[in-house]
C-alpha atoms as a PDB file:
ATOM      1  CA  UNK A   1      71.059  58.763  86.793  1.00  0.00           C
ATOM      2  CA  UNK A   2      73.881  61.278  87.275  1.00  0.00           C
ATOM      3  CA  UNK A   3      73.238  63.742  90.134  1.00  0.00           C
ATOM      4  CA  UNK A   4      73.665  67.478  89.478  1.00  0.00           C
ATOM      5  CA  UNK A   5      76.984  69.020  90.438  1.00  0.00           C
ATOM      6  CA  UNK A   6      75.518  71.129  93.212  1.00  0.00           C
ATOM      7  CA  UNK A   7      74.699  67.985  95.170  1.00  0.00           C
ATOM      8  CA  UNK A   8      78.425  67.719  95.730  1.00  0.00           C
ATOM      9  CA  UNK A   9      78.439  63.945  95.321  1.00  0.00           C
ATOM     10  CA  UNK A  10      81.876  62.289  95.442  1.00  0.00           C
ATOM     11  CA  UNK A  11      83.382  62.252  91.960  1.00  0.00           C
ATOM     12  CA  UNK A  12      80.900  64.695  90.444  1.00  0.00           C
ATOM     13  CA  UNK A  13      83.560  67.425  90.312  1.00  0.00           C
ATOM     14  CA  UNK A  14      87.303  66.862  89.858  1.00  0.00           C
ATOM     15  CA  UNK A  15      89.006  67.157  93.224  1.00  0.00           C
ATOM     16  CA  UNK A  16      85.682  67.309  95.108  1.00  0.00           C
ATOM     17  CA  UNK A  17      86.304  67.678  98.838  1.00  0.00           C
ATOM     18  CA  UNK A  18      84.467  65.189 101.025  1.00  0.00           C
ATOM     19  CA  UNK A  19      84.550  64.251 104.691  1.00  0.00           C
ATOM     20  CA  UNK A  20      86.716  61.299 103.707  1.00  0.00           C
ATOM     21  CA  UNK A  21      89.205  63.417 101.799  1.00  0.00           C
ATOM     22  CA  UNK A  22      89.625  65.683 104.852  1.00  0.00           C
ATOM     23  CA  UNK A  23      90.741  62.630 106.835  1.00  0.00           C
ATOM     24  CA  UNK A  24      93.124  61.753 104.021  1.00  0.00           C
ATOM     25  CA  UNK A  25      94.516  65.291 104.125  1.00  0.00           C
ATOM     26  CA  UNK A  26      95.206  64.957 107.846  1.00  0.00           C
ATOM     27  CA  UNK A  27      96.921  61.608 107.333  1.00  0.00           C
ATOM     28  CA  UNK A  28      99.060  63.098 104.558  1.00  0.00           C
ATOM     29  CA  UNK A  29      99.977  66.147 106.651  1.00  0.00           C
ATOM     30  CA  UNK A  30      98.130  68.532 104.311  1.00  0.00           C
ATOM     31  CA  UNK A  31      96.597  71.563 106.043  1.00  0.00           C
ATOM     32  CA  UNK A  32      92.876  72.187 105.608  1.00  0.00           C
ATOM     33  CA  UNK A  33      91.759  75.720 104.686  1.00  0.00           C
ATOM     34  CA  UNK A  34      88.220  76.736 105.666  1.00  0.00           C
ATOM     35  CA  UNK A  35      86.257  79.998 105.553  1.00  0.00           C
ATOM     36  CA  UNK A  36      82.647  81.103 106.008  1.00  0.00           C
ATOM     37  CA  UNK A  37      80.093  82.200 103.426  1.00  0.00           C
ATOM     38  CA  UNK A  38      76.479  83.353 103.628  1.00  0.00           C
ATOM     39  CA  UNK A  39      75.601  84.213 100.003  1.00  0.00           C
ATOM     40  CA  UNK A  40      76.016  82.903  96.461  1.00  0.00           C
ATOM     41  CA  UNK A  41      78.713  85.280  95.197  1.00  0.00           C
ATOM     42  CA  UNK A  42      80.981  84.860  98.222  1.00  0.00           C
ATOM     43  CA  UNK A  43      80.556  81.098  98.083  1.00  0.00           C
ATOM     44  CA  UNK A  44      81.374  81.028  94.378  1.00  0.00           C
ATOM     45  CA  UNK A  45      84.505  83.139  94.871  1.00  0.00           C
ATOM     46  CA  UNK A  46      85.671  80.935  97.749  1.00  0.00           C
ATOM     47  CA  UNK A  47      85.053  77.760  95.770  1.00  0.00           C
ATOM     48  CA  UNK A  48      86.902  79.046  92.725  1.00  0.00           C
ATOM     49  CA  UNK A  49      89.844  80.043  94.930  1.00  0.00           C
ATOM     50  CA  UNK A  50      90.332  76.412  95.950  1.00  0.00           C
ATOM     51  CA  UNK A  51      89.095  76.577  99.549  1.00  0.00           C
ATOM     52  CA  UNK A  52      88.576  73.132 101.101  1.00  0.00           C
ATOM     53  CA  UNK A  53      85.635  73.769 103.430  1.00  0.00           C
ATOM     54  CA  UNK A  54      82.926  76.443 103.370  1.00  0.00           C
ATOM     55  CA  UNK A  55      81.022  76.862 106.613  1.00  0.00           C
ATOM     56  CA  UNK A  56      77.629  78.519 106.435  1.00  0.00           C
ATOM     57  CA  UNK A  57      78.139  79.908 109.906  1.00  0.00           C
ATOM     58  CA  UNK A  58      75.635  81.137 112.442  1.00  0.00           C
ATOM     59  CA  UNK A  59      78.026  84.091 112.542  1.00  0.00           C
ATOM     60  CA  UNK A  60      75.599  85.362 109.903  1.00  0.00           C
ATOM     61  CA  UNK A  61      73.715  86.760 112.898  1.00  0.00           C
ATOM     62  CA  UNK A  62      76.575  89.206 113.486  1.00  0.00           C
ATOM     63  CA  UNK A  63      78.152  89.922 110.100  1.00  0.00           C
ATOM     64  CA  UNK A  64      74.948  89.880 108.029  1.00  0.00           C
ATOM     65  CA  UNK A  65      72.160  90.736 110.475  1.00  0.00           C
ATOM     66  CA  UNK A  66      74.076  93.106 112.753  1.00  0.00           C
ATOM     67  CA  UNK A  67      73.308  91.168 115.937  1.00  0.00           C
ATOM     68  CA  UNK A  68      75.602  91.255 118.970  1.00  0.00           C
ATOM     69  CA  UNK A  69      75.854  87.442 119.256  1.00  0.00           C
ATOM     70  CA  UNK A  70      75.135  84.353 117.163  1.00  0.00           C
ATOM     71  CA  UNK A  71      72.239  83.339 119.424  1.00  0.00           C
ATOM     72  CA  UNK A  72      69.265  85.041 117.657  1.00  0.00           C
ATOM     73  CA  UNK A  73      69.685  83.535 114.176  1.00  0.00           C
ATOM     74  CA  UNK A  74      66.872  81.101 113.372  1.00  0.00           C
ATOM     75  CA  UNK A  75      66.716  77.749 111.645  1.00  0.00           C
ATOM     76  CA  UNK A  76      64.767  79.230 108.724  1.00  0.00           C
ATOM     77  CA  UNK A  77      67.376  81.963 108.278  1.00  0.00           C
ATOM     78  CA  UNK A  78      70.215  79.436 108.344  1.00  0.00           C
ATOM     79  CA  UNK A  79      68.413  77.293 105.781  1.00  0.00           C
ATOM     80  CA  UNK A  80      68.130  80.314 103.481  1.00  0.00           C
ATOM     81  CA  UNK A  81      71.824  81.163 103.765  1.00  0.00           C
ATOM     82  CA  UNK A  82      72.817  77.525 103.264  1.00  0.00           C
ATOM     83  CA  UNK A  83      70.620  77.174 100.198  1.00  0.00           C
ATOM     84  CA  UNK A  84      72.154  80.134  98.382  1.00  0.00           C
ATOM     85  CA  UNK A  85      75.703  79.165  99.384  1.00  0.00           C
ATOM     86  CA  UNK A  86      75.309  75.593  98.139  1.00  0.00           C
ATOM     87  CA  UNK A  87      74.204  76.904  94.731  1.00  0.00           C
ATOM     88  CA  UNK A  88      77.568  78.612  94.306  1.00  0.00           C
ATOM     89  CA  UNK A  89      79.762  75.657  95.226  1.00  0.00           C
ATOM     90  CA  UNK A  90      81.072  72.735  93.202  1.00  0.00           C
ATOM     91  CA  UNK A  91      84.345  71.612  94.789  1.00  0.00           C
ATOM     92  CA  UNK A  92      84.431  72.608  98.468  1.00  0.00           C
ATOM     93  CA  UNK A  93      82.735  70.697 101.269  1.00  0.00           C
ATOM     94  CA  UNK A  94      79.743  72.751 102.435  1.00  0.00           C
ATOM     95  CA  UNK A  95      78.935  72.570 106.157  1.00  0.00           C
ATOM     96  CA  UNK A  96      75.827  74.179 107.633  1.00  0.00           C
ATOM     97  CA  UNK A  97      75.730  75.472 111.201  1.00  0.00           C
ATOM     98  CA  UNK A  98      72.777  74.284 113.247  1.00  0.00           C
ATOM     99  CA  UNK A  99      71.698  77.395 115.187  1.00  0.00           C
ATOM    100  CA  UNK A 100      71.084  77.728 118.911  1.00  0.00           C
ATOM    101  CA  UNK A 101      68.254  75.512 120.216  1.00  0.00           C
ATOM    102  CA  UNK A 102      67.792  73.704 116.897  1.00  0.00           C
ATOM    103  CA  UNK A 103      69.552  70.575 118.222  1.00  0.00           C
ATOM    104  CA  UNK A 104      69.823  70.906 122.031  1.00  0.00           C
ATOM    105  CA  UNK A 105      66.210  70.068 122.947  1.00  0.00           C
ATOM    106  CA  UNK A 106      66.364  66.379 122.025  1.00  0.00           C
ATOM    107  CA  UNK A 107      67.957  64.095 119.405  1.00  0.00           C
ATOM    108  CA  UNK A 108      64.706  63.782 117.439  1.00  0.00           C
ATOM    109  CA  UNK A 109      64.423  67.531 116.903  1.00  0.00           C
ATOM    110  CA  UNK A 110      68.126  67.686 116.085  1.00  0.00           C
ATOM    111  CA  UNK A 111      67.621  64.974 113.481  1.00  0.00           C
ATOM    112  CA  UNK A 112      64.699  66.792 111.875  1.00  0.00           C
ATOM    113  CA  UNK A 113      66.623  70.061 111.643  1.00  0.00           C
ATOM    114  CA  UNK A 114      69.844  68.458 110.422  1.00  0.00           C
ATOM    115  CA  UNK A 115      67.870  66.547 107.803  1.00  0.00           C
ATOM    116  CA  UNK A 116      66.336  69.814 106.592  1.00  0.00           C
ATOM    117  CA  UNK A 117      69.837  71.254 106.183  1.00  0.00           C
ATOM    118  CA  UNK A 118      70.873  68.301 104.038  1.00  0.00           C
ATOM    119  CA  UNK A 119      67.623  67.833 102.077  1.00  0.00           C
ATOM    120  CA  UNK A 120      66.474  71.434 101.568  1.00  0.00           C
ATOM    121  CA  UNK A 121      69.753  73.364 101.559  1.00  0.00           C
ATOM    122  CA  UNK A 122      71.907  70.610 100.001  1.00  0.00           C
ATOM    123  CA  UNK A 123      74.754  71.018 102.475  1.00  0.00           C
ATOM    124  CA  UNK A 124      76.976  67.978 102.918  1.00  0.00           C
ATOM    125  CA  UNK A 125      77.429  68.150 106.684  1.00  0.00           C
ATOM    126  CA  UNK A 126      76.244  70.062 109.753  1.00  0.00           C
ATOM    127  CA  UNK A 127      78.114  71.624 112.669  1.00  0.00           C
ATOM    128  CA  UNK A 128      77.075  71.574 116.335  1.00  0.00           C
ATOM    129  CA  UNK A 129      78.605  73.040 119.475  1.00  0.00           C
ATOM    130  CA  UNK A 130      79.306  71.031 122.610  1.00  0.00           C
ATOM    131  CA  UNK A 131      81.053  67.866 123.768  1.00  0.00           C
ATOM    132  CA  UNK A 132      80.033  64.944 125.960  1.00  0.00           C
ATOM    133  CA  UNK A 133      76.516  66.263 126.509  1.00  0.00           C
ATOM    134  CA  UNK A 134      75.821  66.497 122.783  1.00  0.00           C
ATOM    135  CA  UNK A 135      77.685  63.308 121.772  1.00  0.00           C
ATOM    136  CA  UNK A 136      74.561  61.073 121.791  1.00  0.00           C
ATOM    137  CA  UNK A 137      72.897  63.503 119.380  1.00  0.00           C
ATOM    138  CA  UNK A 138      75.972  63.473 117.145  1.00  0.00           C
ATOM    139  CA  UNK A 139      75.840  59.679 117.063  1.00  0.00           C
ATOM    140  CA  UNK A 140      72.152  59.762 116.174  1.00  0.00           C
ATOM    141  CA  UNK A 141      72.815  62.064 113.214  1.00  0.00           C
ATOM    142  CA  UNK A 142      75.818  60.105 111.998  1.00  0.00           C
ATOM    143  CA  UNK A 143      73.972  56.798 112.303  1.00  0.00           C
ATOM    144  CA  UNK A 144      71.341  57.974 109.804  1.00  0.00           C
ATOM    145  CA  UNK A 145      73.976  59.293 107.392  1.00  0.00           C
ATOM    146  CA  UNK A 146      74.389  62.971 108.286  1.00  0.00           C
ATOM    147  CA  UNK A 147      78.066  63.933 108.734  1.00  0.00           C
ATOM    148  CA  UNK A 148      78.733  66.097 111.794  1.00  0.00           C
ATOM    149  CA  UNK A 149      81.497  68.576 112.576  1.00  0.00           C
ATOM    150  CA  UNK A 150      81.956  69.358 116.275  1.00  0.00           C
ATOM    151  CA  UNK A 151      82.882  72.685 117.873  1.00  0.00           C
ATOM    152  CA  UNK A 152      84.645  73.067 121.235  1.00  0.00           C
ATOM    153  CA  UNK A 153      86.449  75.712 123.287  1.00  0.00           C
ATOM    154  CA  UNK A 154      84.848  79.121 122.958  1.00  0.00           C
ATOM    155  CA  UNK A 155      81.414  78.107 121.699  1.00  0.00           C
ATOM    156  CA  UNK A 156      79.618  81.324 120.681  1.00  0.00           C
ATOM    157  CA  UNK A 157      76.132  79.917 121.248  1.00  0.00           C
ATOM    158  CA  UNK A 158      77.048  79.646 124.950  1.00  0.00           C
ATOM    159  CA  UNK A 159      78.348  83.194 125.248  1.00  0.00           C
ATOM    160  CA  UNK A 160      75.689  84.162 127.790  1.00  0.00           C
ATOM    161  CA  UNK A 161      76.910  81.324 130.018  1.00  0.00           C
ATOM    162  CA  UNK A 162      80.566  82.307 129.611  1.00  0.00           C
ATOM    163  CA  UNK A 163      79.863  86.024 129.930  1.00  0.00           C
ATOM    164  CA  UNK A 164      83.103  86.807 128.104  1.00  0.00           C
ATOM    165  CA  UNK A 165      85.004  86.026 124.910  1.00  0.00           C
ATOM    166  CA  UNK A 166      88.222  85.242 126.792  1.00  0.00           C
ATOM    167  CA  UNK A 167      90.405  82.238 125.966  1.00  0.00           C
ATOM    168  CA  UNK A 168      88.925  78.937 127.136  1.00  0.00           C
ATOM    169  CA  UNK A 169      90.597  75.874 128.722  1.00  0.00           C
ATOM    170  CA  UNK A 170      93.488  77.769 130.295  1.00  0.00           C
ATOM    171  CA  UNK A 171      92.801  76.010 133.606  1.00  0.00           C
ATOM    172  CA  UNK A 172      93.709  72.339 134.037  1.00  0.00           C
ATOM    173  CA  UNK A 173      90.187  71.066 134.722  1.00  0.00           C
ATOM    174  CA  UNK A 174      88.641  72.789 131.707  1.00  0.00           C
ATOM    175  CA  UNK A 175      91.505  71.575 129.515  1.00  0.00           C
ATOM    176  CA  UNK A 176      90.905  68.001 130.714  1.00  0.00           C
ATOM    177  CA  UNK A 177      87.203  68.335 129.976  1.00  0.00           C
ATOM    178  CA  UNK A 178      87.875  69.717 126.519  1.00  0.00           C
ATOM    179  CA  UNK A 179      90.013  66.673 125.738  1.00  0.00           C
ATOM    180  CA  UNK A 180      87.255  64.358 126.978  1.00  0.00           C
ATOM    181  CA  UNK A 181      84.717  66.294 124.893  1.00  0.00           C
ATOM    182  CA  UNK A 182      86.865  65.975 121.765  1.00  0.00           C
ATOM    183  CA  UNK A 183      87.266  62.225 122.253  1.00  0.00           C
ATOM    184  CA  UNK A 184      83.518  61.882 122.866  1.00  0.00           C
ATOM    185  CA  UNK A 185      82.761  63.667 119.599  1.00  0.00           C
ATOM    186  CA  UNK A 186      85.201  61.460 117.716  1.00  0.00           C
ATOM    187  CA  UNK A 187      83.742  58.308 119.291  1.00  0.00           C
ATOM    188  CA  UNK A 188      80.246  59.512 118.335  1.00  0.00           C
ATOM    189  CA  UNK A 189      81.344  59.693 114.695  1.00  0.00           C
ATOM    190  CA  UNK A 190      82.150  63.379 114.132  1.00  0.00           C
ATOM    191  CA  UNK A 191      84.358  63.735 111.049  1.00  0.00           C
ATOM    192  CA  UNK A 192      86.161  66.854 112.345  1.00  0.00           C
ATOM    193  CA  UNK A 193      86.321  69.113 115.384  1.00  0.00           C
ATOM    194  CA  UNK A 194      86.681  72.900 115.411  1.00  0.00           C
ATOM    195  CA  UNK A 195      88.509  74.242 118.472  1.00  0.00           C
ATOM    196  CA  UNK A 196      88.095  77.952 119.073  1.00  0.00           C
ATOM    197  CA  UNK A 197      90.204  80.285 121.195  1.00  0.00           C
ATOM    198  CA  UNK A 198      92.101  77.729 123.277  1.00  0.00           C
ATOM    199  CA  UNK A 199      95.829  77.604 124.127  1.00  0.00           C
ATOM    200  CA  UNK A 200      97.961  76.569 121.170  1.00  0.00           C
ATOM    201  CA  UNK A 201      99.719  73.743 123.006  1.00  0.00           C
ATOM    202  CA  UNK A 202      96.373  72.189 123.957  1.00  0.00           C
ATOM    203  CA  UNK A 203      95.075  72.382 120.384  1.00  0.00           C
ATOM    204  CA  UNK A 204      98.335  70.903 119.067  1.00  0.00           C
ATOM    205  CA  UNK A 205      98.117  67.959 121.448  1.00  0.00           C
ATOM    206  CA  UNK A 206      94.491  67.365 120.442  1.00  0.00           C
ATOM    207  CA  UNK A 207      95.448  67.340 116.761  1.00  0.00           C
ATOM    208  CA  UNK A 208      98.075  64.698 117.515  1.00  0.00           C
ATOM    209  CA  UNK A 209      95.738  62.614 119.663  1.00  0.00           C
ATOM    210  CA  UNK A 210      92.605  62.614 117.518  1.00  0.00           C
ATOM    211  CA  UNK A 211      92.267  60.597 114.334  1.00  0.00           C
ATOM    212  CA  UNK A 212      89.857  63.147 112.855  1.00  0.00           C
ATOM    213  CA  UNK A 213      90.981  66.605 111.701  1.00  0.00           C
ATOM    214  CA  UNK A 214      91.193  69.367 114.301  1.00  0.00           C
ATOM    215  CA  UNK A 215      90.460  72.745 112.712  1.00  0.00           C
ATOM    216  CA  UNK A 216      91.551  75.764 114.707  1.00  0.00           C
ATOM    217  CA  UNK A 217      90.326  79.309 115.058  1.00  0.00           C
ATOM    218  CA  UNK A 218      92.466  81.212 117.491  1.00  0.00           C
ATOM    219  CA  UNK A 219      94.078  77.913 118.504  1.00  0.00           C
ATOM    220  CA  UNK A 220      97.590  78.219 117.108  1.00  0.00           C
ATOM    221  CA  UNK A 221      99.434  76.685 114.134  1.00  0.00           C
ATOM    222  CA  UNK A 222      99.506  73.083 115.349  1.00  0.00           C
ATOM    223  CA  UNK A 223      95.997  72.211 114.178  1.00  0.00           C
ATOM    224  CA  UNK A 224      95.237  70.183 111.054  1.00  0.00           C
ATOM    225  CA  UNK A 225      93.575  73.201 109.488  1.00  0.00           C
ATOM    226  CA  UNK A 226      92.336  76.726 110.086  1.00  0.00           C
ATOM    227  CA  UNK A 227      89.033  78.547 109.741  1.00  0.00           C
ATOM    228  CA  UNK A 228      88.161  82.242 109.886  1.00  0.00           C
ATOM    229  CA  UNK A 229      85.043  84.306 109.293  1.00  0.00           C
ATOM    230  CA  UNK A 230      85.482  85.662 105.771  1.00  0.00           C
ATOM    231  CA  UNK A 231      84.117  89.090 106.707  1.00  0.00           C
ATOM    232  CA  UNK A 232      86.796  89.341 109.413  1.00  0.00           C
ATOM    233  CA  UNK A 233      89.777  88.418 107.252  1.00  0.00           C
ATOM    234  CA  UNK A 234      88.559  90.678 104.420  1.00  0.00           C
ATOM    235  CA  UNK A 235      88.183  93.697 106.696  1.00  0.00           C
ATOM    236  CA  UNK A 236      84.433  93.905 106.108  1.00  0.00           C
ATOM    237  CA  UNK A 237      83.401  93.369 109.722  1.00  0.00           C
ATOM    238  CA  UNK A 238      85.168  95.986 111.805  1.00  0.00           C
ATOM    239  CA  UNK A 239      83.257  96.052 115.110  1.00  0.00           C
ATOM    240  CA  UNK A 240      86.226  94.338 116.708  1.00  0.00           C
ATOM    241  CA  UNK A 241      89.465  92.762 115.524  1.00  0.00           C
ATOM    242  CA  UNK A 242      90.315  89.547 117.392  1.00  0.00           C
ATOM    243  CA  UNK A 243      93.997  88.830 117.890  1.00  0.00           C
ATOM    244  CA  UNK A 244      93.714  85.599 115.899  1.00  0.00           C
ATOM    245  CA  UNK A 245      92.309  87.284 112.756  1.00  0.00           C
ATOM    246  CA  UNK A 246      94.843  88.155 110.070  1.00  0.00           C
ATOM    247  CA  UNK A 247      93.462  90.831 107.754  1.00  0.00           C
ATOM    248  CA  UNK A 248      94.158  89.840 104.161  1.00  0.00           C
ATOM    249  CA  UNK A 249      92.330  92.876 102.749  1.00  0.00           C
ATOM    250  CA  UNK A 250      90.586  96.059 103.875  1.00  0.00           C
ATOM    251  CA  UNK A 251      87.506  95.746 101.711  1.00  0.00           C
ATOM    252  CA  UNK A 252      85.356  97.757 104.078  1.00  0.00           C
ATOM    253  CA  UNK A 253      87.507 100.829 103.541  1.00  0.00           C
ATOM    254  CA  UNK A 254      87.720 100.186  99.791  1.00  0.00           C
ATOM    255  CA  UNK A 255      83.942  99.944  99.589  1.00  0.00           C
ATOM    256  CA  UNK A 256      83.428 103.173 101.506  1.00  0.00           C
ATOM    257  CA  UNK A 257      85.842 104.953  99.167  1.00  0.00           C
ATOM    258  CA  UNK A 258      84.067 103.560  96.090  1.00  0.00           C
ATOM    259  CA  UNK A 259      80.656 104.587  97.420  1.00  0.00           C
ATOM    260  CA  UNK A 260      81.990 108.059  98.133  1.00  0.00           C
ATOM    261  CA  UNK A 261      83.325 108.425  94.596  1.00  0.00           C
ATOM    262  CA  UNK A 262      79.994 107.296  93.171  1.00  0.00           C
ATOM    263  CA  UNK A 263      78.109 109.844  95.286  1.00  0.00           C
ATOM    264  CA  UNK A 264      80.441 112.642  94.086  1.00  0.00           C
ATOM    265  CA  UNK A 265      80.026 111.618  90.439  1.00  0.00           C
ATOM    266  CA  UNK A 266      76.234 111.523  90.717  1.00  0.00           C
ATOM    267  CA  UNK A 267      76.116 114.872  92.488  1.00  0.00           C
ATOM    268  CA  UNK A 268      78.469 116.511  89.983  1.00  0.00           C
ATOM    269  CA  UNK A 269      76.620 115.048  87.019  1.00  0.00           C
ATOM    270  CA  UNK A 270      79.675 113.220  85.670  1.00  0.00           C
ATOM    271  CA  UNK A 271      77.889 109.888  86.012  1.00  0.00           C
ATOM    272  CA  UNK A 272      76.525 108.615  83.760  1.00  0.00           C
ATOM    273  CA  UNK A 273      78.466 109.995  80.798  1.00  0.00           C
ATOM    274  CA  UNK A 274      77.577 109.615  77.126  1.00  0.00           C
ATOM    275  CA  UNK A 275      79.239 106.210  76.808  1.00  0.00           C
ATOM    276  CA  UNK A 276      77.234 104.986  79.777  1.00  0.00           C
ATOM    277  CA  UNK A 277      73.920 106.110  78.339  1.00  0.00           C
ATOM    278  CA  UNK A 278      71.620 104.705  75.629  1.00  0.00           C
END
């Protein structure tokens, strides 16, 4: 029986990106391009553009729900976003964020929630934040067949502990711990590690040391790949503009202009015209 394309099984779509092909890209020196999506149309556009990885990020809490942090988003909400994203994707690897407190309580609960992401939302991997402390949970998930992407450095789910969005691992001890955390994730079976907002030289050395891909966000050009929040790089989310975000469009401004023109046309009576009426 041939599985449907939206299962993303290896070989079901020409050039299908898998966890294995990301490792091959690293070995070949090919950079990995990743972005976030939270809905069908954005996911479809990203997939058709040739993006390698689509992360259904818990950043949905901020850019979709208007929250101040990623902490409040729930497992049910993340499942919904992941489900609609997966429907729009054929080629890219779809990774679903496990939200705050969906995997930290114990490995059994983490396994149940990760399994829901894979079975109900049809993602192909999950992402968790944390290093040595979470490594046993990562191993548990990998051992039952659920691929895991790690996330180190500035981990947004821990923002209340940090109390600031400043660069992480600038001090020697924290940099040493980050390296230990990255190795622990790799040893536990993680297929890739995201490093966020850490010094570029540290991220570069990690990319050279680890066998798995290191994907940076605010971590300099020496990583094996890069990821950004799509709403940031498109100029849709404008609450703040991190230094590491390159704006590739100003869609927020374009949308406001389009809405304004529509309002004027409705108010003036020029919309709809005869050709736009039945």
